[in-house]
Amino acid sequence: MARDSRTENLLTQQTVSCPYCGESIEVLIDEEEVGHEYIEDCQVCCRPITFVLSMDFAGQLSVSVHDENDSR
């Protein structure tokens, strides 16, 4: 069976700390979304976390999280 490369997303599991409740949560990050940001609710306190995805100089995925009032 042939595989469609468009459906093979590069998902990476990351552990981040919620900027609201401080709990560590595990999330799946789509590496194809590098350079973008999105909002996902915390699995513990249900508040909206802004995720910012980037690549560092070594080519490693970098994920930063912010609360909705955090000025970047």
PDB file of N, CA and C in Angstrom:
ATOM      1  N   MET A   1       0.841  -1.165   0.000  1.00  0.00           N
ATOM      2  CA  MET A   1       0.000   0.000   0.000  1.00  0.00           C
ATOM      3  C   MET A   1       0.895   1.240   0.000  1.00  0.00           C
ATOM      4  N   ALA A   2       0.627   2.164  -0.879  1.00  0.00           N
ATOM      5  CA  ALA A   2       1.400   3.400  -0.974  1.00  0.00           C
ATOM      6  C   ALA A   2       0.996   4.346   0.149  1.00  0.00           C
ATOM      7  N   ARG A   3       1.985   5.063   0.655  1.00  0.00           N
ATOM      8  CA  ARG A   3       1.718   6.031   1.713  1.00  0.00           C
ATOM      9  C   ARG A   3       1.678   7.426   1.129  1.00  0.00           C
ATOM     10  N   ASP A   4       0.767   8.206   1.605  1.00  0.00           N
ATOM     11  CA  ASP A   4       0.659   9.599   1.200  1.00  0.00           C
ATOM     12  C   ASP A   4       1.459  10.418   2.203  1.00  0.00           C
ATOM     13  N   SER A   5       2.560  11.028   1.748  1.00  0.00           N
ATOM     14  CA  SER A   5       3.440  11.748   2.665  1.00  0.00           C
ATOM     15  C   SER A   5       2.742  12.933   3.317  1.00  0.00           C
ATOM     16  N   ARG A   6       1.686  13.442   2.712  1.00  0.00           N
ATOM     17  CA  ARG A   6       0.958  14.557   3.310  1.00  0.00           C
ATOM     18  C   ARG A   6       0.246  14.153   4.591  1.00  0.00           C
ATOM     19  N   THR A   7      -0.019  12.854   4.772  1.00  0.00           N
ATOM     20  CA  THR A   7      -0.717  12.405   5.974  1.00  0.00           C
ATOM     21  C   THR A   7       0.246  11.942   7.059  1.00  0.00           C
ATOM     22  N   GLU A   8       1.540  11.903   6.755  1.00  0.00           N
ATOM     23  CA  GLU A   8       2.531  11.464   7.730  1.00  0.00           C
ATOM     24  C   GLU A   8       3.088  12.671   8.469  1.00  0.00           C
ATOM     25  N   ASN A   9       2.370  13.149   9.443  1.00  0.00           N
ATOM     26  CA  ASN A   9       2.819  14.288  10.231  1.00  0.00           C
ATOM     27  C   ASN A   9       3.915  13.852  11.185  1.00  0.00           C
ATOM     28  N   LEU A  10       4.831  14.749  11.441  1.00  0.00           N
ATOM     29  CA  LEU A  10       5.886  14.492  12.397  1.00  0.00           C
ATOM     30  C   LEU A  10       5.426  14.986  13.761  1.00  0.00           C
ATOM     31  N   LEU A  11       4.852  14.086  14.528  1.00  0.00           N
ATOM     32  CA  LEU A  11       4.352  14.442  15.852  1.00  0.00           C
ATOM     33  C   LEU A  11       5.409  14.114  16.899  1.00  0.00           C
ATOM     34  N   THR A  12       5.649  15.059  17.776  1.00  0.00           N
ATOM     35  CA  THR A  12       6.629  14.903  18.837  1.00  0.00           C
ATOM     36  C   THR A  12       5.940  15.133  20.169  1.00  0.00           C
ATOM     37  N   GLN A  13       6.158  14.214  21.098  1.00  0.00           N
ATOM     38  CA  GLN A  13       5.581  14.384  22.430  1.00  0.00           C
ATOM     39  C   GLN A  13       6.495  15.295  23.241  1.00  0.00           C
ATOM     40  N   GLN A  14       5.918  16.316  23.853  1.00  0.00           N
ATOM     41  CA  GLN A  14       6.658  17.273  24.675  1.00  0.00           C
ATOM     42  C   GLN A  14       5.971  17.399  26.029  1.00  0.00           C
ATOM     43  N   THR A  15       6.755  17.651  27.047  1.00  0.00           N
ATOM     44  CA  THR A  15       6.215  17.948  28.367  1.00  0.00           C
ATOM     45  C   THR A  15       6.453  19.424  28.642  1.00  0.00           C
ATOM     46  N   VAL A  16       5.387  20.135  28.966  1.00  0.00           N
ATOM     47  CA  VAL A  16       5.475  21.570  29.262  1.00  0.00           C
ATOM     48  C   VAL A  16       4.775  21.838  30.591  1.00  0.00           C
ATOM     49  N   SER A  17       5.097  22.965  31.191  1.00  0.00           N
ATOM     50  CA  SER A  17       4.426  23.386  32.426  1.00  0.00           C
ATOM     51  C   SER A  17       3.359  24.408  32.083  1.00  0.00           C
ATOM     52  N   CYS A  18       2.177  24.204  32.596  1.00  0.00           N
ATOM     53  CA  CYS A  18       1.083  25.150  32.378  1.00  0.00           C
ATOM     54  C   CYS A  18       1.444  26.484  33.026  1.00  0.00           C
ATOM     55  N   PRO A  19       1.319  27.597  32.286  1.00  0.00           N
ATOM     56  CA  PRO A  19       1.643  28.901  32.869  1.00  0.00           C
ATOM     57  C   PRO A  19       0.633  29.368  33.922  1.00  0.00           C
ATOM     58  N   TYR A  20      -0.479  28.670  34.050  1.00  0.00           N
ATOM     59  CA  TYR A  20      -1.501  29.034  35.035  1.00  0.00           C
ATOM     60  C   TYR A  20      -1.369  28.209  36.316  1.00  0.00           C
ATOM     61  N   CYS A  21      -1.472  26.886  36.184  1.00  0.00           N
ATOM     62  CA  CYS A  21      -1.502  26.029  37.369  1.00  0.00           C
ATOM     63  C   CYS A  21      -0.149  25.399  37.692  1.00  0.00           C
ATOM     64  N   GLY A  22       0.808  25.477  36.759  1.00  0.00           N
ATOM     65  CA  GLY A  22       2.145  24.954  37.003  1.00  0.00           C
ATOM     66  C   GLY A  22       2.300  23.457  36.817  1.00  0.00           C
ATOM     67  N   GLU A  23       1.215  22.757  36.527  1.00  0.00           N
ATOM     68  CA  GLU A  23       1.285  21.310  36.329  1.00  0.00           C
ATOM     69  C   GLU A  23       2.041  20.974  35.044  1.00  0.00           C
ATOM     70  N   SER A  24       2.776  19.874  35.071  1.00  0.00           N
ATOM     71  CA  SER A  24       3.427  19.369  33.863  1.00  0.00           C
ATOM     72  C   SER A  24       2.395  18.597  33.061  1.00  0.00           C
ATOM     73  N   ILE A  25       2.289  18.930  31.779  1.00  0.00           N
ATOM     74  CA  ILE A  25       1.349  18.233  30.905  1.00  0.00           C
ATOM     75  C   ILE A  25       2.090  17.766  29.664  1.00  0.00           C
ATOM     76  N   GLU A  26       1.642  16.648  29.113  1.00  0.00           N
ATOM     77  CA  GLU A  26       2.229  16.122  27.886  1.00  0.00           C
ATOM     78  C   GLU A  26       1.324  16.481  26.718  1.00  0.00           C
ATOM     79  N   VAL A  27       1.937  16.998  25.661  1.00  0.00           N
ATOM     80  CA  VAL A  27       1.195  17.389  24.468  1.00  0.00           C
ATOM     81  C   VAL A  27       1.902  16.829  23.244  1.00  0.00           C
ATOM     82  N   LEU A  28       1.140  16.630  22.173  1.00  0.00           N
ATOM     83  CA  LEU A  28       1.714  16.231  20.895  1.00  0.00           C
ATOM     84  C   LEU A  28       1.881  17.478  20.045  1.00  0.00           C
ATOM     85  N   ILE A  29       3.091  17.687  19.559  1.00  0.00           N
ATOM     86  CA  ILE A  29       3.423  18.853  18.756  1.00  0.00           C
ATOM     87  C   ILE A  29       3.656  18.400  17.323  1.00  0.00           C
ATOM     88  N   ASP A  30       3.010  19.068  16.369  1.00  0.00           N
ATOM     89  CA  ASP A  30       3.193  18.791  14.946  1.00  0.00           C
ATOM     90  C   ASP A  30       4.370  19.629  14.458  1.00  0.00           C
ATOM     91  N   GLU A  31       5.494  18.976  14.123  1.00  0.00           N
ATOM     92  CA  GLU A  31       6.701  19.685  13.711  1.00  0.00           C
ATOM     93  C   GLU A  31       6.503  20.489  12.432  1.00  0.00           C
ATOM     94  N   GLU A  32       5.471  20.190  11.666  1.00  0.00           N
ATOM     95  CA  GLU A  32       5.193  20.962  10.457  1.00  0.00           C
ATOM     96  C   GLU A  32       4.629  22.340  10.787  1.00  0.00           C
ATOM     97  N   GLU A  33       4.289  22.577  12.043  1.00  0.00           N
ATOM     98  CA  GLU A  33       3.723  23.858  12.466  1.00  0.00           C
ATOM     99  C   GLU A  33       4.785  24.816  13.009  1.00  0.00           C
ATOM    100  N   VAL A  34       6.077  24.485  12.834  1.00  0.00           N
ATOM    101  CA  VAL A  34       7.153  25.361  13.306  1.00  0.00           C
ATOM    102  C   VAL A  34       6.990  26.739  12.676  1.00  0.00           C
ATOM    103  N   GLY A  35       7.162  27.769  13.486  1.00  0.00           N
ATOM    104  CA  GLY A  35       6.987  29.135  13.017  1.00  0.00           C
ATOM    105  C   GLY A  35       5.590  29.670  13.274  1.00  0.00           C
ATOM    106  N   HIS A  36       4.740  28.845  13.837  1.00  0.00           N
ATOM    107  CA  HIS A  36       3.368  29.246  14.117  1.00  0.00           C
ATOM    108  C   HIS A  36       3.110  29.195  15.615  1.00  0.00           C
ATOM    109  N   GLU A  37       1.989  29.723  15.997  1.00  0.00           N
ATOM    110  CA  GLU A  37       1.528  29.576  17.370  1.00  0.00           C
ATOM    111  C   GLU A  37       0.075  29.131  17.347  1.00  0.00           C
ATOM    112  N   TYR A  38      -0.315  28.440  18.398  1.00  0.00           N
ATOM    113  CA  TYR A  38      -1.702  27.993  18.504  1.00  0.00           C
ATOM    114  C   TYR A  38      -2.086  27.935  19.971  1.00  0.00           C
ATOM    115  N   ILE A  39      -3.372  27.796  20.224  1.00  0.00           N
ATOM    116  CA  ILE A  39      -3.890  27.762  21.591  1.00  0.00           C
ATOM    117  C   ILE A  39      -4.498  26.392  21.857  1.00  0.00           C
ATOM    118  N   GLU A  40      -4.146  25.838  23.014  1.00  0.00           N
ATOM    119  CA  GLU A  40      -4.686  24.553  23.453  1.00  0.00           C
ATOM    120  C   GLU A  40      -4.977  24.673  24.944  1.00  0.00           C
ATOM    121  N   ASP A  41      -6.087  24.117  25.383  1.00  0.00           N
ATOM    122  CA  ASP A  41      -6.445  24.193  26.797  1.00  0.00           C
ATOM    123  C   ASP A  41      -5.591  23.243  27.623  1.00  0.00           C
ATOM    124  N   CYS A  42      -5.244  23.686  28.839  1.00  0.00           N
ATOM    125  CA  CYS A  42      -4.516  22.843  29.786  1.00  0.00           C
ATOM    126  C   CYS A  42      -5.387  21.635  30.126  1.00  0.00           C
ATOM    127  N   GLN A  43      -4.767  20.469  30.186  1.00  0.00           N
ATOM    128  CA  GLN A  43      -5.489  19.237  30.493  1.00  0.00           C
ATOM    129  C   GLN A  43      -5.889  19.161  31.964  1.00  0.00           C
ATOM    130  N   VAL A  44      -5.289  20.022  32.802  1.00  0.00           N
ATOM    131  CA  VAL A  44      -5.570  19.997  34.237  1.00  0.00           C
ATOM    132  C   VAL A  44      -6.550  21.101  34.634  1.00  0.00           C
ATOM    133  N   CYS A  45      -6.218  22.362  34.305  1.00  0.00           N
ATOM    134  CA  CYS A  45      -7.056  23.485  34.763  1.00  0.00           C
ATOM    135  C   CYS A  45      -7.965  24.056  33.668  1.00  0.00           C
ATOM    136  N   CYS A  46      -7.825  23.565  32.446  1.00  0.00           N
ATOM    137  CA  CYS A  46      -8.683  23.939  31.308  1.00  0.00           C
ATOM    138  C   CYS A  46      -8.529  25.387  30.847  1.00  0.00           C
ATOM    139  N   ARG A  47      -7.477  26.070  31.255  1.00  0.00           N
ATOM    140  CA  ARG A  47      -7.265  27.450  30.795  1.00  0.00           C
ATOM    141  C   ARG A  47      -6.474  27.432  29.493  1.00  0.00           C
ATOM    142  N   PRO A  48      -6.629  28.466  28.652  1.00  0.00           N
ATOM    143  CA  PRO A  48      -6.004  28.468  27.323  1.00  0.00           C
ATOM    144  C   PRO A  48      -4.506  28.791  27.375  1.00  0.00           C
ATOM    145  N   ILE A  49      -3.697  27.876  26.841  1.00  0.00           N
ATOM    146  CA  ILE A  49      -2.249  28.057  26.772  1.00  0.00           C
ATOM    147  C   ILE A  49      -1.888  28.384  25.332  1.00  0.00           C
ATOM    148  N   THR A  50      -1.065  29.419  25.139  1.00  0.00           N
ATOM    149  CA  THR A  50      -0.553  29.740  23.811  1.00  0.00           C
ATOM    150  C   THR A  50       0.778  29.019  23.631  1.00  0.00           C
ATOM    151  N   PHE A  51       0.859  28.194  22.597  1.00  0.00           N
ATOM    152  CA  PHE A  51       2.077  27.470  22.256  1.00  0.00           C
ATOM    153  C   PHE A  51       2.749  28.176  21.087  1.00  0.00           C
ATOM    154  N   VAL A  52       4.054  28.431  21.202  1.00  0.00           N
ATOM    155  CA  VAL A  52       4.835  29.035  20.128  1.00  0.00           C
ATOM    156  C   VAL A  52       5.916  28.031  19.745  1.00  0.00           C
ATOM    157  N   LEU A  53       5.918  27.625  18.462  1.00  0.00           N
ATOM    158  CA  LEU A  53       6.842  26.603  17.986  1.00  0.00           C
ATOM    159  C   LEU A  53       7.932  27.231  17.135  1.00  0.00           C
ATOM    160  N   SER A  54       9.180  26.828  17.390  1.00  0.00           N
ATOM    161  CA  SER A  54      10.299  27.327  16.600  1.00  0.00           C
ATOM    162  C   SER A  54      11.397  26.274  16.569  1.00  0.00           C
ATOM    163  N   MET A  55      12.391  26.506  15.713  1.00  0.00           N
ATOM    164  CA  MET A  55      13.580  25.659  15.651  1.00  0.00           C
ATOM    165  C   MET A  55      14.744  26.479  16.172  1.00  0.00           C
ATOM    166  N   ASP A  56      15.587  25.855  17.003  1.00  0.00           N
ATOM    167  CA  ASP A  56      16.765  26.583  17.459  1.00  0.00           C
ATOM    168  C   ASP A  56      17.872  26.448  16.412  1.00  0.00           C
ATOM    169  N   PHE A  57      19.033  27.031  16.702  1.00  0.00           N
ATOM    170  CA  PHE A  57      20.130  27.034  15.732  1.00  0.00           C
ATOM    171  C   PHE A  57      20.661  25.637  15.423  1.00  0.00           C
ATOM    172  N   ALA A  58      20.455  24.697  16.332  1.00  0.00           N
ATOM    173  CA  ALA A  58      20.910  23.322  16.130  1.00  0.00           C
ATOM    174  C   ALA A  58      19.864  22.473  15.416  1.00  0.00           C
ATOM    175  N   GLY A  59      18.733  23.078  15.056  1.00  0.00           N
ATOM    176  CA  GLY A  59      17.676  22.340  14.375  1.00  0.00           C
ATOM    177  C   GLY A  59      16.761  21.572  15.306  1.00  0.00           C
ATOM    178  N   GLN A  60      16.823  21.874  16.593  1.00  0.00           N
ATOM    179  CA  GLN A  60      15.973  21.210  17.577  1.00  0.00           C
ATOM    180  C   GLN A  60      14.676  21.989  17.749  1.00  0.00           C
ATOM    181  N   LEU A  61      13.588  21.264  17.901  1.00  0.00           N
ATOM    182  CA  LEU A  61      12.285  21.877  18.123  1.00  0.00           C
ATOM    183  C   LEU A  61      12.266  22.591  19.468  1.00  0.00           C
ATOM    184  N   SER A  62      11.773  23.810  19.473  1.00  0.00           N
ATOM    185  CA  SER A  62      11.642  24.596  20.697  1.00  0.00           C
ATOM    186  C   SER A  62      10.170  24.955  20.871  1.00  0.00           C
ATOM    187  N   VAL A  63       9.643  24.674  22.052  1.00  0.00           N
ATOM    188  CA  VAL A  63       8.244  24.970  22.359  1.00  0.00           C
ATOM    189  C   VAL A  63       8.213  25.891  23.567  1.00  0.00           C
ATOM    190  N   SER A  64       7.617  27.059  23.399  1.00  0.00           N
ATOM    191  CA  SER A  64       7.426  27.939  24.549  1.00  0.00           C
ATOM    192  C   SER A  64       5.931  28.121  24.764  1.00  0.00           C
ATOM    193  N   VAL A  65       5.557  28.273  26.026  1.00  0.00           N
ATOM    194  CA  VAL A  65       4.145  28.415  26.374  1.00  0.00           C
ATOM    195  C   VAL A  65       3.941  29.719  27.132  1.00  0.00           C
ATOM    196  N   HIS A  66       2.777  30.323  26.917  1.00  0.00           N
ATOM    197  CA  HIS A  66       2.453  31.602  27.537  1.00  0.00           C
ATOM    198  C   HIS A  66       0.981  31.609  27.927  1.00  0.00           C
ATOM    199  N   ASP A  67       0.661  32.409  28.952  1.00  0.00           N
ATOM    200  CA  ASP A  67      -0.758  32.602  29.249  1.00  0.00           C
ATOM    201  C   ASP A  67      -1.300  33.687  28.329  1.00  0.00           C
ATOM    202  N   GLU A  68      -2.603  33.860  28.316  1.00  0.00           N
ATOM    203  CA  GLU A  68      -3.227  34.779  27.365  1.00  0.00           C
ATOM    204  C   GLU A  68      -2.894  36.240  27.626  1.00  0.00           C
ATOM    205  N   ASN A  69      -2.402  36.571  28.808  1.00  0.00           N
ATOM    206  CA  ASN A  69      -2.066  37.954  29.140  1.00  0.00           C
ATOM    207  C   ASN A  69      -0.576  38.250  29.047  1.00  0.00           C
ATOM    208  N   ASP A  70       0.218  37.236  28.731  1.00  0.00           N
ATOM    209  CA  ASP A  70       1.669  37.392  28.661  1.00  0.00           C
ATOM    210  C   ASP A  70       2.047  38.176  27.412  1.00  0.00           C
ATOM    211  N   SER A  71       2.780  39.256  27.580  1.00  0.00           N
ATOM    212  CA  SER A  71       3.226  40.028  26.412  1.00  0.00           C
ATOM    213  C   SER A  71       4.555  39.459  25.934  1.00  0.00           C
ATOM    214  N   ARG A  72       4.604  39.162  24.650  1.00  0.00           N
ATOM    215  CA  ARG A  72       5.814  38.568  24.069  1.00  0.00           C
ATOM    216  C   ARG A  72       6.569  39.598  23.294  1.00  0.00           C
TER     217      ARG A  72
END
